[in-house]
């Protein structure tokens, strides 16, 4: 139980750290390139 829990904990930590790091880099780059967040007018009108 404990050895397997340690393996699982390590894998969970890797998944969390890697996904978070790459996502923040991608979000920052895309926001600068094309704008990720909709404008106020677009949001008020609705995405549809």
ModelCIF file with pLDDT and N, C-alpha, C, O atoms, coordinates in Angstrom:
data_MODEL
#
_entry.id   MODEL 
#
_entity.id                         1 
_entity.type                       polymer 
_entity.pdbx_number_of_molecules   1 
#
_entity_poly.entity_id                      1 
_entity_poly.type                           'polypeptide(L)' 
_entity_poly.nstd_linkage                   no 
_entity_poly.nstd_monomer                   no 
_entity_poly.pdbx_seq_one_letter_code       
;(UNK)(UNK)(UNK)(UNK)(UNK)(UNK)(UNK)(UNK)(UNK)(UNK)(UNK)(UNK)(UNK)(UNK)(UNK)(UNK)
(UNK)(UNK)(UNK)(UNK)(UNK)(UNK)(UNK)(UNK)(UNK)(UNK)(UNK)(UNK)(UNK)(UNK)(UNK)(UNK)
(UNK)(UNK)(UNK)(UNK)(UNK)(UNK)(UNK)(UNK)(UNK)(UNK)(UNK)(UNK)(UNK)(UNK)(UNK)(UNK)
;
_entity_poly.pdbx_seq_one_letter_code_can   XXXXXXXXXXXXXXXXXXXXXXXXXXXXXXXXXXXXXXXXXXXXXXXX 
_entity_poly.pdbx_strand_id                 A 
#
loop_
_entity_poly_seq.entity_id 
_entity_poly_seq.num 
_entity_poly_seq.mon_id 
_entity_poly_seq.hetero 
1 1  UNK n 
1 2  UNK n 
1 3  UNK n 
1 4  UNK n 
1 5  UNK n 
1 6  UNK n 
1 7  UNK n 
1 8  UNK n 
1 9  UNK n 
1 10 UNK n 
1 11 UNK n 
1 12 UNK n 
1 13 UNK n 
1 14 UNK n 
1 15 UNK n 
1 16 UNK n 
1 17 UNK n 
1 18 UNK n 
1 19 UNK n 
1 20 UNK n 
1 21 UNK n 
1 22 UNK n 
1 23 UNK n 
1 24 UNK n 
1 25 UNK n 
1 26 UNK n 
1 27 UNK n 
1 28 UNK n 
1 29 UNK n 
1 30 UNK n 
1 31 UNK n 
1 32 UNK n 
1 33 UNK n 
1 34 UNK n 
1 35 UNK n 
1 36 UNK n 
1 37 UNK n 
1 38 UNK n 
1 39 UNK n 
1 40 UNK n 
1 41 UNK n 
1 42 UNK n 
1 43 UNK n 
1 44 UNK n 
1 45 UNK n 
1 46 UNK n 
1 47 UNK n 
1 48 UNK n 
#
_struct_asym.id          A 
_struct_asym.entity_id   1 
#
loop_
_ma_qa_metric.id 
_ma_qa_metric.mode 
_ma_qa_metric.name 
_ma_qa_metric.software_group_id 
_ma_qa_metric.type 
1 global pLDDT . pLDDT 
2 local  pLDDT . pLDDT 
#
_ma_qa_metric_global.metric_id      1 
_ma_qa_metric_global.metric_value   96.94 
_ma_qa_metric_global.model_id       1 
_ma_qa_metric_global.ordinal_id     1 
#
loop_
_ma_qa_metric_local.label_asym_id 
_ma_qa_metric_local.label_comp_id 
_ma_qa_metric_local.label_seq_id 
_ma_qa_metric_local.metric_id 
_ma_qa_metric_local.metric_value 
_ma_qa_metric_local.model_id 
_ma_qa_metric_local.ordinal_id 
A UNK 1  2 92.00 1 1  
A UNK 2  2 93.00 1 2  
A UNK 3  2 93.00 1 3  
A UNK 4  2 95.00 1 4  
A UNK 5  2 96.00 1 5  
A UNK 6  2 96.00 1 6  
A UNK 7  2 97.00 1 7  
A UNK 8  2 97.00 1 8  
A UNK 9  2 98.00 1 9  
A UNK 10 2 98.00 1 10 
A UNK 11 2 98.00 1 11 
A UNK 12 2 98.00 1 12 
A UNK 13 2 98.00 1 13 
A UNK 14 2 98.00 1 14 
A UNK 15 2 98.00 1 15 
A UNK 16 2 98.00 1 16 
A UNK 17 2 98.00 1 17 
A UNK 18 2 98.00 1 18 
A UNK 19 2 98.00 1 19 
A UNK 20 2 98.00 1 20 
A UNK 21 2 98.00 1 21 
A UNK 22 2 98.00 1 22 
A UNK 23 2 98.00 1 23 
A UNK 24 2 98.00 1 24 
A UNK 25 2 98.00 1 25 
A UNK 26 2 98.00 1 26 
A UNK 27 2 98.00 1 27 
A UNK 28 2 98.00 1 28 
A UNK 29 2 98.00 1 29 
A UNK 30 2 98.00 1 30 
A UNK 31 2 97.00 1 31 
A UNK 32 2 97.00 1 32 
A UNK 33 2 96.00 1 33 
A UNK 34 2 96.00 1 34 
A UNK 35 2 97.00 1 35 
A UNK 36 2 97.00 1 36 
A UNK 37 2 97.00 1 37 
A UNK 38 2 97.00 1 38 
A UNK 39 2 96.00 1 39 
A UNK 40 2 96.00 1 40 
A UNK 41 2 97.00 1 41 
A UNK 42 2 97.00 1 42 
A UNK 43 2 97.00 1 43 
A UNK 44 2 96.00 1 44 
A UNK 45 2 96.00 1 45 
A UNK 46 2 96.00 1 46 
A UNK 47 2 96.00 1 47 
A UNK 48 2 97.00 1 48 
#
loop_
_atom_site.group_PDB 
_atom_site.id 
_atom_site.type_symbol 
_atom_site.label_atom_id 
_atom_site.label_alt_id 
_atom_site.label_comp_id 
_atom_site.label_asym_id 
_atom_site.label_entity_id 
_atom_site.label_seq_id 
_atom_site.pdbx_PDB_ins_code 
_atom_site.Cartn_x 
_atom_site.Cartn_y 
_atom_site.Cartn_z 
_atom_site.occupancy 
_atom_site.B_iso_or_equiv 
_atom_site.pdbx_formal_charge 
_atom_site.auth_seq_id 
_atom_site.auth_comp_id 
_atom_site.auth_asym_id 
_atom_site.auth_atom_id 
_atom_site.pdbx_PDB_model_num 
ATOM 1   N N  . UNK A 1 1  ? 0.828   -1.208 0.000   1.00 92.00 ? 1  UNK A N  1 
ATOM 2   C CA . UNK A 1 1  ? 0.000   0.000  0.000   1.00 92.00 ? 1  UNK A CA 1 
ATOM 3   C C  . UNK A 1 1  ? 0.860   1.255  0.000   1.00 92.00 ? 1  UNK A C  1 
ATOM 4   O O  . UNK A 1 1  ? 0.687   2.120  -0.859  1.00 92.00 ? 1  UNK A O  1 
ATOM 5   N N  . UNK A 1 2  ? 1.769   1.369  0.934   1.00 93.00 ? 2  UNK A N  1 
ATOM 6   C CA . UNK A 1 2  ? 2.581   2.576  1.028   1.00 93.00 ? 2  UNK A CA 1 
ATOM 7   C C  . UNK A 1 2  ? 3.501   2.764  -0.178  1.00 93.00 ? 2  UNK A C  1 
ATOM 8   O O  . UNK A 1 2  ? 3.558   3.871  -0.714  1.00 93.00 ? 2  UNK A O  1 
ATOM 9   N N  . UNK A 1 3  ? 4.234   1.721  -0.635  1.00 93.00 ? 3  UNK A N  1 
ATOM 10  C CA . UNK A 1 3  ? 5.060   1.899  -1.837  1.00 93.00 ? 3  UNK A CA 1 
ATOM 11  C C  . UNK A 1 3  ? 4.246   2.324  -3.053  1.00 93.00 ? 3  UNK A C  1 
ATOM 12  O O  . UNK A 1 3  ? 4.674   3.190  -3.816  1.00 93.00 ? 3  UNK A O  1 
ATOM 13  N N  . UNK A 1 4  ? 3.071   1.716  -3.236  1.00 95.00 ? 4  UNK A N  1 
ATOM 14  C CA . UNK A 1 4  ? 2.250   2.089  -4.389  1.00 95.00 ? 4  UNK A CA 1 
ATOM 15  C C  . UNK A 1 4  ? 1.710   3.504  -4.233  1.00 95.00 ? 4  UNK A C  1 
ATOM 16  O O  . UNK A 1 4  ? 1.620   4.245  -5.211  1.00 95.00 ? 4  UNK A O  1 
ATOM 17  N N  . UNK A 1 5  ? 1.353   3.880  -3.018  1.00 96.00 ? 5  UNK A N  1 
ATOM 18  C CA . UNK A 1 5  ? 0.880   5.244  -2.779  1.00 96.00 ? 5  UNK A CA 1 
ATOM 19  C C  . UNK A 1 5  ? 1.956   6.260  -3.131  1.00 96.00 ? 5  UNK A C  1 
ATOM 20  O O  . UNK A 1 5  ? 1.656   7.307  -3.704  1.00 96.00 ? 5  UNK A O  1 
ATOM 21  N N  . UNK A 1 6  ? 3.210   5.961  -2.793  1.00 96.00 ? 6  UNK A N  1 
ATOM 22  C CA . UNK A 1 6  ? 4.313   6.871  -3.115  1.00 96.00 ? 6  UNK A CA 1 
ATOM 23  C C  . UNK A 1 6  ? 4.484   7.015  -4.623  1.00 96.00 ? 6  UNK A C  1 
ATOM 24  O O  . UNK A 1 6  ? 4.713   8.115  -5.126  1.00 96.00 ? 6  UNK A O  1 
ATOM 25  N N  . UNK A 1 7  ? 4.370   5.894  -5.343  1.00 97.00 ? 7  UNK A N  1 
ATOM 26  C CA . UNK A 1 7  ? 4.457   5.944  -6.806  1.00 97.00 ? 7  UNK A CA 1 
ATOM 27  C C  . UNK A 1 7  ? 3.326   6.791  -7.373  1.00 97.00 ? 7  UNK A C  1 
ATOM 28  O O  . UNK A 1 7  ? 3.544   7.632  -8.246  1.00 97.00 ? 7  UNK A O  1 
ATOM 29  N N  . UNK A 1 8  ? 2.116   6.561  -6.868  1.00 97.00 ? 8  UNK A N  1 
ATOM 30  C CA . UNK A 1 8  ? 0.957   7.327  -7.347  1.00 97.00 ? 8  UNK A CA 1 
ATOM 31  C C  . UNK A 1 8  ? 1.113   8.811  -7.045  1.00 97.00 ? 8  UNK A C  1 
ATOM 32  O O  . UNK A 1 8  ? 0.781   9.659  -7.873  1.00 97.00 ? 8  UNK A O  1 
ATOM 33  N N  . UNK A 1 9  ? 1.618   9.117  -5.862  1.00 98.00 ? 9  UNK A N  1 
ATOM 34  C CA . UNK A 1 9  ? 1.806   10.513 -5.468  1.00 98.00 ? 9  UNK A CA 1 
ATOM 35  C C  . UNK A 1 9  ? 2.811   11.208 -6.377  1.00 98.00 ? 9  UNK A C  1 
ATOM 36  O O  . UNK A 1 9  ? 2.617   12.362 -6.761  1.00 98.00 ? 9  UNK A O  1 
ATOM 37  N N  . UNK A 1 10 ? 3.875   10.507 -6.716  1.00 98.00 ? 10 UNK A N  1 
ATOM 38  C CA . UNK A 1 10 ? 4.877   11.075 -7.619  1.00 98.00 ? 10 UNK A CA 1 
ATOM 39  C C  . UNK A 1 10 ? 4.266   11.345 -9.001  1.00 98.00 ? 10 UNK A C  1 
ATOM 40  O O  . UNK A 1 10 ? 4.480   12.409 -9.581  1.00 98.00 ? 10 UNK A O  1 
ATOM 41  N N  . UNK A 1 11 ? 3.507   10.378 -9.520  1.00 98.00 ? 11 UNK A N  1 
ATOM 42  C CA . UNK A 1 11 ? 2.890   10.546 -10.838 1.00 98.00 ? 11 UNK A CA 1 
ATOM 43  C C  . UNK A 1 11 ? 1.889   11.699 -10.839 1.00 98.00 ? 11 UNK A C  1 
ATOM 44  O O  . UNK A 1 11 ? 1.836   12.483 -11.786 1.00 98.00 ? 11 UNK A O  1 
ATOM 45  N N  . UNK A 1 12 ? 1.098   11.797 -9.772  1.00 98.00 ? 12 UNK A N  1 
ATOM 46  C CA . UNK A 1 12 ? 0.140   12.903 -9.663  1.00 98.00 ? 12 UNK A CA 1 
ATOM 47  C C  . UNK A 1 12 ? 0.879   14.238 -9.634  1.00 98.00 ? 12 UNK A C  1 
ATOM 48  O O  . UNK A 1 12 ? 0.469   15.192 -10.295 1.00 98.00 ? 12 UNK A O  1 
ATOM 49  N N  . UNK A 1 13 ? 1.968   14.305 -8.869  1.00 98.00 ? 13 UNK A N  1 
ATOM 50  C CA . UNK A 1 13 ? 2.752   15.535 -8.808  1.00 98.00 ? 13 UNK A CA 1 
ATOM 51  C C  . UNK A 1 13 ? 3.336   15.927 -10.155 1.00 98.00 ? 13 UNK A C  1 
ATOM 52  O O  . UNK A 1 13 ? 3.327   17.102 -10.520 1.00 98.00 ? 13 UNK A O  1 
ATOM 53  N N  . UNK A 1 14 ? 3.843   14.945 -10.897 1.00 98.00 ? 14 UNK A N  1 
ATOM 54  C CA . UNK A 1 14 ? 4.388   15.201 -12.236 1.00 98.00 ? 14 UNK A CA 1 
ATOM 55  C C  . UNK A 1 14 ? 3.295   15.737 -13.153 1.00 98.00 ? 14 UNK A C  1 
ATOM 56  O O  . UNK A 1 14 ? 3.504   16.720 -13.864 1.00 98.00 ? 14 UNK A O  1 
ATOM 57  N N  . UNK A 1 15 ? 2.130   15.095 -13.138 1.00 98.00 ? 15 UNK A N  1 
ATOM 58  C CA . UNK A 1 15 ? 1.025   15.523 -14.004 1.00 98.00 ? 15 UNK A CA 1 
ATOM 59  C C  . UNK A 1 15 ? 0.579   16.940 -13.668 1.00 98.00 ? 15 UNK A C  1 
ATOM 60  O O  . UNK A 1 15 ? 0.327   17.744 -14.565 1.00 98.00 ? 15 UNK A O  1 
ATOM 61  N N  . UNK A 1 16 ? 0.483   17.245 -12.375 1.00 98.00 ? 16 UNK A N  1 
ATOM 62  C CA . UNK A 1 16 ? 0.057   18.585 -11.955 1.00 98.00 ? 16 UNK A CA 1 
ATOM 63  C C  . UNK A 1 16 ? 1.079   19.631 -12.378 1.00 98.00 ? 16 UNK A C  1 
ATOM 64  O O  . UNK A 1 16 ? 0.726   20.637 -12.993 1.00 98.00 ? 16 UNK A O  1 
ATOM 65  N N  . UNK A 1 17 ? 2.332   19.396 -12.052 1.00 98.00 ? 17 UNK A N  1 
ATOM 66  C CA . UNK A 1 17 ? 3.375   20.383 -12.347 1.00 98.00 ? 17 UNK A CA 1 
ATOM 67  C C  . UNK A 1 17 ? 3.559   20.611 -13.825 1.00 98.00 ? 17 UNK A C  1 
ATOM 68  O O  . UNK A 1 17 ? 3.662   21.750 -14.279 1.00 98.00 ? 17 UNK A O  1 
ATOM 69  N N  . UNK A 1 18 ? 3.602   19.522 -14.584 1.00 98.00 ? 18 UNK A N  1 
ATOM 70  C CA . UNK A 1 18 ? 3.845   19.653 -16.029 1.00 98.00 ? 18 UNK A CA 1 
ATOM 71  C C  . UNK A 1 18 ? 2.676   20.341 -16.729 1.00 98.00 ? 18 UNK A C  1 
ATOM 72  O O  . UNK A 1 18 ? 2.879   21.267 -17.513 1.00 98.00 ? 18 UNK A O  1 
ATOM 73  N N  . UNK A 1 19 ? 1.435   19.884 -16.444 1.00 98.00 ? 19 UNK A N  1 
ATOM 74  C CA . UNK A 1 19 ? 0.263   20.478 -17.092 1.00 98.00 ? 19 UNK A CA 1 
ATOM 75  C C  . UNK A 1 19 ? 0.136   21.959 -16.749 1.00 98.00 ? 19 UNK A C  1 
ATOM 76  O O  . UNK A 1 19 ? -0.176  22.771 -17.620 1.00 98.00 ? 19 UNK A O  1 
ATOM 77  N N  . UNK A 1 20 ? 0.375   22.318 -15.489 1.00 98.00 ? 20 UNK A N  1 
ATOM 78  C CA . UNK A 1 20 ? 0.260   23.724 -15.070 1.00 98.00 ? 20 UNK A CA 1 
ATOM 79  C C  . UNK A 1 20 ? 1.306   24.587 -15.753 1.00 98.00 ? 20 UNK A C  1 
ATOM 80  O O  . UNK A 1 20 ? 0.993   25.677 -16.232 1.00 98.00 ? 20 UNK A O  1 
ATOM 81  N N  . UNK A 1 21 ? 2.548   24.112 -15.803 1.00 98.00 ? 21 UNK A N  1 
ATOM 82  C CA . UNK A 1 21 ? 3.639   24.914 -16.379 1.00 98.00 ? 21 UNK A CA 1 
ATOM 83  C C  . UNK A 1 21 ? 3.423   25.162 -17.863 1.00 98.00 ? 21 UNK A C  1 
ATOM 84  O O  . UNK A 1 21 ? 3.554   26.295 -18.327 1.00 98.00 ? 21 UNK A O  1 
ATOM 85  N N  . UNK A 1 22 ? 3.093   24.116 -18.613 1.00 98.00 ? 22 UNK A N  1 
ATOM 86  C CA . UNK A 1 22 ? 2.918   24.284 -20.060 1.00 98.00 ? 22 UNK A CA 1 
ATOM 87  C C  . UNK A 1 22 ? 1.681   25.124 -20.351 1.00 98.00 ? 22 UNK A C  1 
ATOM 88  O O  . UNK A 1 22 ? 1.689   25.932 -21.280 1.00 98.00 ? 22 UNK A O  1 
ATOM 89  N N  . UNK A 1 23 ? 0.628   24.947 -19.578 1.00 98.00 ? 23 UNK A N  1 
ATOM 90  C CA . UNK A 1 23 ? -0.610  25.703 -19.810 1.00 98.00 ? 23 UNK A CA 1 
ATOM 91  C C  . UNK A 1 23 ? -0.409  27.192 -19.610 1.00 98.00 ? 23 UNK A C  1 
ATOM 92  O O  . UNK A 1 23 ? -0.904  27.992 -20.404 1.00 98.00 ? 23 UNK A O  1 
ATOM 93  N N  . UNK A 1 24 ? 0.305   27.578 -18.569 1.00 98.00 ? 24 UNK A N  1 
ATOM 94  C CA . UNK A 1 24 ? 0.513   29.012 -18.328 1.00 98.00 ? 24 UNK A CA 1 
ATOM 95  C C  . UNK A 1 24 ? 1.366   29.632 -19.431 1.00 98.00 ? 24 UNK A C  1 
ATOM 96  O O  . UNK A 1 24 ? 1.146   30.782 -19.810 1.00 98.00 ? 24 UNK A O  1 
ATOM 97  N N  . UNK A 1 25 ? 2.330   28.886 -19.945 1.00 98.00 ? 25 UNK A N  1 
ATOM 98  C CA . UNK A 1 25 ? 3.155   29.387 -21.057 1.00 98.00 ? 25 UNK A CA 1 
ATOM 99  C C  . UNK A 1 25 ? 2.298   29.545 -22.308 1.00 98.00 ? 25 UNK A C  1 
ATOM 100 O O  . UNK A 1 25 ? 2.361   30.577 -22.976 1.00 98.00 ? 25 UNK A O  1 
ATOM 101 N N  . UNK A 1 26 ? 1.500   28.532 -22.629 1.00 98.00 ? 26 UNK A N  1 
ATOM 102 C CA . UNK A 1 26 ? 0.641   28.598 -23.807 1.00 98.00 ? 26 UNK A CA 1 
ATOM 103 C C  . UNK A 1 26 ? -0.369  29.743 -23.702 1.00 98.00 ? 26 UNK A C  1 
ATOM 104 O O  . UNK A 1 26 ? -0.567  30.489 -24.661 1.00 98.00 ? 26 UNK A O  1 
ATOM 105 N N  . UNK A 1 27 ? -1.000  29.881 -22.549 1.00 98.00 ? 27 UNK A N  1 
ATOM 106 C CA . UNK A 1 27 ? -1.993  30.944 -22.357 1.00 98.00 ? 27 UNK A CA 1 
ATOM 107 C C  . UNK A 1 27 ? -1.364  32.320 -22.545 1.00 98.00 ? 27 UNK A C  1 
ATOM 108 O O  . UNK A 1 27 ? -1.951  33.199 -23.175 1.00 98.00 ? 27 UNK A O  1 
ATOM 109 N N  . UNK A 1 28 ? -0.177  32.498 -22.000 1.00 98.00 ? 28 UNK A N  1 
ATOM 110 C CA . UNK A 1 28 ? 0.510   33.788 -22.115 1.00 98.00 ? 28 UNK A CA 1 
ATOM 111 C C  . UNK A 1 28 ? 0.846   34.105 -23.564 1.00 98.00 ? 28 UNK A C  1 
ATOM 112 O O  . UNK A 1 28 ? 0.634   35.227 -24.022 1.00 98.00 ? 28 UNK A O  1 
ATOM 113 N N  . UNK A 1 29 ? 1.370   33.119 -24.287 1.00 98.00 ? 29 UNK A N  1 
ATOM 114 C CA . UNK A 1 29 ? 1.747   33.333 -25.684 1.00 98.00 ? 29 UNK A CA 1 
ATOM 115 C C  . UNK A 1 29 ? 0.527   33.603 -26.566 1.00 98.00 ? 29 UNK A C  1 
ATOM 116 O O  . UNK A 1 29 ? 0.550   34.506 -27.402 1.00 98.00 ? 29 UNK A O  1 
ATOM 117 N N  . UNK A 1 30 ? -0.528  32.826 -26.381 1.00 98.00 ? 30 UNK A N  1 
ATOM 118 C CA . UNK A 1 30 ? -1.722  33.000 -27.207 1.00 98.00 ? 30 UNK A CA 1 
ATOM 119 C C  . UNK A 1 30 ? -2.410  34.326 -26.904 1.00 98.00 ? 30 UNK A C  1 
ATOM 120 O O  . UNK A 1 30 ? -2.939  34.973 -27.807 1.00 98.00 ? 30 UNK A O  1 
ATOM 121 N N  . UNK A 1 31 ? -2.403  34.730 -25.647 1.00 97.00 ? 31 UNK A N  1 
ATOM 122 C CA . UNK A 1 31 ? -2.982  36.024 -25.283 1.00 97.00 ? 31 UNK A CA 1 
ATOM 123 C C  . UNK A 1 31 ? -2.251  37.164 -25.986 1.00 97.00 ? 31 UNK A C  1 
ATOM 124 O O  . UNK A 1 31 ? -2.873  38.123 -26.442 1.00 97.00 ? 31 UNK A O  1 
ATOM 125 N N  . UNK A 1 32 ? -0.944  37.053 -26.068 1.00 97.00 ? 32 UNK A N  1 
ATOM 126 C CA . UNK A 1 32 ? -0.152  38.098 -26.729 1.00 97.00 ? 32 UNK A CA 1 
ATOM 127 C C  . UNK A 1 32 ? -0.304  38.058 -28.243 1.00 97.00 ? 32 UNK A C  1 
ATOM 128 O O  . UNK A 1 32 ? -0.285  39.098 -28.900 1.00 97.00 ? 32 UNK A O  1 
ATOM 129 N N  . UNK A 1 33 ? -0.453  36.866 -28.792 1.00 96.00 ? 33 UNK A N  1 
ATOM 130 C CA . UNK A 1 33 ? -0.530  36.726 -30.252 1.00 96.00 ? 33 UNK A CA 1 
ATOM 131 C C  . UNK A 1 33 ? -1.892  37.118 -30.814 1.00 96.00 ? 33 UNK A C  1 
ATOM 132 O O  . UNK A 1 33 ? -1.969  37.928 -31.738 1.00 96.00 ? 33 UNK A O  1 
ATOM 133 N N  . UNK A 1 34 ? -2.968  36.551 -30.265 1.00 96.00 ? 34 UNK A N  1 
ATOM 134 C CA . UNK A 1 34 ? -4.290  36.775 -30.854 1.00 96.00 ? 34 UNK A CA 1 
ATOM 135 C C  . UNK A 1 34 ? -5.335  37.233 -29.847 1.00 96.00 ? 34 UNK A C  1 
ATOM 136 O O  . UNK A 1 34 ? -6.439  37.605 -30.245 1.00 96.00 ? 34 UNK A O  1 
ATOM 137 N N  . UNK A 1 35 ? -5.024  37.217 -28.561 1.00 97.00 ? 35 UNK A N  1 
ATOM 138 C CA . UNK A 1 35 ? -6.007  37.587 -27.548 1.00 97.00 ? 35 UNK A CA 1 
ATOM 139 C C  . UNK A 1 35 ? -6.869  36.395 -27.177 1.00 97.00 ? 35 UNK A C  1 
ATOM 140 O O  . UNK A 1 35 ? -7.729  35.986 -27.957 1.00 97.00 ? 35 UNK A O  1 
ATOM 141 N N  . UNK A 1 36 ? -6.652  35.836 -26.005 1.00 97.00 ? 36 UNK A N  1 
ATOM 142 C CA . UNK A 1 36 ? -7.398  34.655 -25.565 1.00 97.00 ? 36 UNK A CA 1 
ATOM 143 C C  . UNK A 1 36 ? -8.751  35.036 -24.961 1.00 97.00 ? 36 UNK A C  1 
ATOM 144 O O  . UNK A 1 36 ? -9.753  34.359 -25.196 1.00 97.00 ? 36 UNK A O  1 
ATOM 145 N N  . UNK A 1 37 ? -8.777  36.092 -24.202 1.00 97.00 ? 37 UNK A N  1 
ATOM 146 C CA . UNK A 1 37 ? -10.006 36.528 -23.532 1.00 97.00 ? 37 UNK A CA 1 
ATOM 147 C C  . UNK A 1 37 ? -10.858 37.347 -24.492 1.00 97.00 ? 37 UNK A C  1 
ATOM 148 O O  . UNK A 1 37 ? -10.348 38.222 -25.191 1.00 97.00 ? 37 UNK A O  1 
ATOM 149 N N  . UNK A 1 38 ? -12.141 37.066 -24.523 1.00 97.00 ? 38 UNK A N  1 
ATOM 150 C CA . UNK A 1 38 ? -13.067 37.852 -25.333 1.00 97.00 ? 38 UNK A CA 1 
ATOM 151 C C  . UNK A 1 38 ? -13.145 39.280 -24.793 1.00 97.00 ? 38 UNK A C  1 
ATOM 152 O O  . UNK A 1 38 ? -12.951 39.511 -23.600 1.00 97.00 ? 38 UNK A O  1 
ATOM 153 N N  . UNK A 1 39 ? -13.430 40.233 -25.680 1.00 96.00 ? 39 UNK A N  1 
ATOM 154 C CA . UNK A 1 39 ? -13.574 41.627 -25.256 1.00 96.00 ? 39 UNK A CA 1 
ATOM 155 C C  . UNK A 1 39 ? -14.875 41.799 -24.478 1.00 96.00 ? 39 UNK A C  1 
ATOM 156 O O  . UNK A 1 39 ? -15.733 40.916 -24.481 1.00 96.00 ? 39 UNK A O  1 
ATOM 157 N N  . UNK A 1 40 ? -15.011 42.931 -23.819 1.00 96.00 ? 40 UNK A N  1 
ATOM 158 C CA . UNK A 1 40 ? -16.228 43.187 -23.046 1.00 96.00 ? 40 UNK A CA 1 
ATOM 159 C C  . UNK A 1 40 ? -17.465 43.167 -23.932 1.00 96.00 ? 40 UNK A C  1 
ATOM 160 O O  . UNK A 1 40 ? -18.495 42.606 -23.559 1.00 96.00 ? 40 UNK A O  1 
ATOM 161 N N  . UNK A 1 41 ? -17.361 43.776 -25.098 1.00 97.00 ? 41 UNK A N  1 
ATOM 162 C CA . UNK A 1 41 ? -18.508 43.794 -26.019 1.00 97.00 ? 41 UNK A CA 1 
ATOM 163 C C  . UNK A 1 41 ? -18.864 42.387 -26.482 1.00 97.00 ? 41 UNK A C  1 
ATOM 164 O O  . UNK A 1 41 ? -20.040 42.035 -26.567 1.00 97.00 ? 41 UNK A O  1 
ATOM 165 N N  . UNK A 1 42 ? -17.840 41.582 -26.782 1.00 97.00 ? 42 UNK A N  1 
ATOM 166 C CA . UNK A 1 42 ? -18.085 40.202 -27.222 1.00 97.00 ? 42 UNK A CA 1 
ATOM 167 C C  . UNK A 1 42 ? -18.730 39.385 -26.112 1.00 97.00 ? 42 UNK A C  1 
ATOM 168 O O  . UNK A 1 42 ? -19.633 38.586 -26.360 1.00 97.00 ? 42 UNK A O  1 
ATOM 169 N N  . UNK A 1 43 ? -18.263 39.590 -24.903 1.00 97.00 ? 43 UNK A N  1 
ATOM 170 C CA . UNK A 1 43 ? -18.810 38.842 -23.777 1.00 97.00 ? 43 UNK A CA 1 
ATOM 171 C C  . UNK A 1 43 ? -20.243 39.257 -23.472 1.00 97.00 ? 43 UNK A C  1 
ATOM 172 O O  . UNK A 1 43 ? -21.083 38.412 -23.162 1.00 97.00 ? 43 UNK A O  1 
ATOM 173 N N  . UNK A 1 44 ? -20.523 40.549 -23.558 1.00 96.00 ? 44 UNK A N  1 
ATOM 174 C CA . UNK A 1 44 ? -21.885 41.037 -23.312 1.00 96.00 ? 44 UNK A CA 1 
ATOM 175 C C  . UNK A 1 44 ? -22.856 40.521 -24.362 1.00 96.00 ? 44 UNK A C  1 
ATOM 176 O O  . UNK A 1 44 ? -23.990 40.160 -24.048 1.00 96.00 ? 44 UNK A O  1 
ATOM 177 N N  . UNK A 1 45 ? -22.402 40.488 -25.620 1.00 96.00 ? 45 UNK A N  1 
ATOM 178 C CA . UNK A 1 45 ? -23.263 40.000 -26.702 1.00 96.00 ? 45 UNK A CA 1 
ATOM 179 C C  . UNK A 1 45 ? -23.481 38.488 -26.599 1.00 96.00 ? 45 UNK A C  1 
ATOM 180 O O  . UNK A 1 45 ? -24.490 37.962 -27.069 1.00 96.00 ? 45 UNK A O  1 
ATOM 181 N N  . UNK A 1 46 ? -22.533 37.807 -25.985 1.00 96.00 ? 46 UNK A N  1 
ATOM 182 C CA . UNK A 1 46 ? -22.591 36.350 -25.896 1.00 96.00 ? 46 UNK A CA 1 
ATOM 183 C C  . UNK A 1 46 ? -21.726 35.716 -26.963 1.00 96.00 ? 46 UNK A C  1 
ATOM 184 O O  . UNK A 1 46 ? -21.589 36.248 -28.065 1.00 96.00 ? 46 UNK A O  1 
ATOM 185 N N  . UNK A 1 47 ? -21.142 34.573 -26.630 1.00 96.00 ? 47 UNK A N  1 
ATOM 186 C CA . UNK A 1 47 ? -20.250 33.915 -27.576 1.00 96.00 ? 47 UNK A CA 1 
ATOM 187 C C  . UNK A 1 47 ? -20.977 33.385 -28.797 1.00 96.00 ? 47 UNK A C  1 
ATOM 188 O O  . UNK A 1 47 ? -20.391 33.291 -29.876 1.00 96.00 ? 47 UNK A O  1 
ATOM 189 N N  . UNK A 1 48 ? -22.260 33.033 -28.639 1.00 97.00 ? 48 UNK A N  1 
ATOM 190 C CA . UNK A 1 48 ? -23.005 32.508 -29.781 1.00 97.00 ? 48 UNK A CA 1 
ATOM 191 C C  . UNK A 1 48 ? -22.993 33.506 -30.937 1.00 97.00 ? 48 UNK A C  1 
ATOM 192 O O  . UNK A 1 48 ? -23.572 33.238 -31.990 1.00 97.00 ? 48 UNK A O  1 
#
